[in-house]
Amino acid sequence: MKSTYIFPAVLIVLDVGAAIVCAFNKDFKKAVYWLAAAVLNAAVTF
């Protein structure tokens, strides 16, 4: 992995982690939001 992809990869992992926490707390709207943010970030980055 290039060093330029480290920050976006960490951000994607954090977005997925936030989605998991929101889903665990039964806040599914926010979970979908964070999953969409992770997918969008991955699509733009990679």
C-alpha atoms as a PDB file:
ATOM      1  CA  MET A   1       0.000   0.000   0.000  1.00  0.00           C
ATOM      2  CA  LYS A   2       1.257   3.441  -0.877  1.00  0.00           C
ATOM      3  CA  SER A   3       1.837   5.831   1.980  1.00  0.00           C
ATOM      4  CA  THR A   4      -0.722   8.203   0.461  1.00  0.00           C
ATOM      5  CA  TYR A   5      -3.464   5.638   1.149  1.00  0.00           C
ATOM      6  CA  ILE A   6      -2.799   5.280   4.879  1.00  0.00           C
ATOM      7  CA  PHE A   7      -5.023   8.146   6.064  1.00  0.00           C
ATOM      8  CA  PRO A   8      -7.991   7.264   3.819  1.00  0.00           C
ATOM      9  CA  ALA A   9      -7.734   3.614   4.882  1.00  0.00           C
ATOM     10  CA  VAL A  10      -7.776   4.602   8.549  1.00  0.00           C
ATOM     11  CA  LEU A  11     -10.750   6.866   7.900  1.00  0.00           C
ATOM     12  CA  ILE A  12     -12.639   4.032   6.180  1.00  0.00           C
ATOM     13  CA  VAL A  13     -11.964   1.727   9.129  1.00  0.00           C
ATOM     14  CA  LEU A  14     -13.193   4.399  11.535  1.00  0.00           C
ATOM     15  CA  ASP A  15     -16.347   4.906   9.469  1.00  0.00           C
ATOM     16  CA  VAL A  16     -17.093   1.180   9.549  1.00  0.00           C
ATOM     17  CA  GLY A  17     -16.406   1.143  13.289  1.00  0.00           C
ATOM     18  CA  ALA A  18     -18.835   3.995  13.822  1.00  0.00           C
ATOM     19  CA  ALA A  19     -21.441   2.111  11.779  1.00  0.00           C
ATOM     20  CA  ILE A  20     -20.989  -0.978  13.951  1.00  0.00           C
ATOM     21  CA  VAL A  21     -21.371   1.033  17.145  1.00  0.00           C
ATOM     22  CA  CYS A  22     -24.494   2.758  15.838  1.00  0.00           C
ATOM     23  CA  ALA A  23     -26.012  -0.542  14.710  1.00  0.00           C
ATOM     24  CA  PHE A  24     -25.219  -2.085  18.089  1.00  0.00           C
ATOM     25  CA  ASN A  25     -27.082   0.803  19.733  1.00  0.00           C
ATOM     26  CA  LYS A  26     -30.019   0.261  17.336  1.00  0.00           C
ATOM     27  CA  ASP A  27     -29.536   3.604  15.585  1.00  0.00           C
ATOM     28  CA  PHE A  28     -29.819   2.174  12.086  1.00  0.00           C
ATOM     29  CA  LYS A  29     -30.128   5.512  10.276  1.00  0.00           C
ATOM     30  CA  LYS A  30     -26.717   6.587  11.516  1.00  0.00           C
ATOM     31  CA  ALA A  31     -25.302   3.121  10.819  1.00  0.00           C
ATOM     32  CA  VAL A  32     -26.392   3.386   7.193  1.00  0.00           C
ATOM     33  CA  TYR A  33     -24.952   6.892   7.050  1.00  0.00           C
ATOM     34  CA  TRP A  34     -21.532   5.737   8.267  1.00  0.00           C
ATOM     35  CA  LEU A  35     -21.517   2.722   5.963  1.00  0.00           C
ATOM     36  CA  ALA A  36     -22.349   4.991   3.042  1.00  0.00           C
ATOM     37  CA  ALA A  37     -19.541   7.331   4.076  1.00  0.00           C
ATOM     38  CA  ALA A  38     -17.103   4.400   4.144  1.00  0.00           C
ATOM     39  CA  VAL A  39     -18.217   3.156   0.723  1.00  0.00           C
ATOM     40  CA  LEU A  40     -18.051   6.615  -0.792  1.00  0.00           C
ATOM     41  CA  ASN A  41     -14.601   7.210   0.664  1.00  0.00           C
ATOM     42  CA  ALA A  42     -13.379   3.849  -0.633  1.00  0.00           C
ATOM     43  CA  ALA A  43     -14.812   4.512  -4.091  1.00  0.00           C
ATOM     44  CA  VAL A  44     -13.108   7.878  -4.333  1.00  0.00           C
ATOM     45  CA  THR A  45      -9.800   6.713  -2.866  1.00  0.00           C
ATOM     46  CA  PHE A  46      -9.332   3.359  -4.572  1.00  0.00           C
END
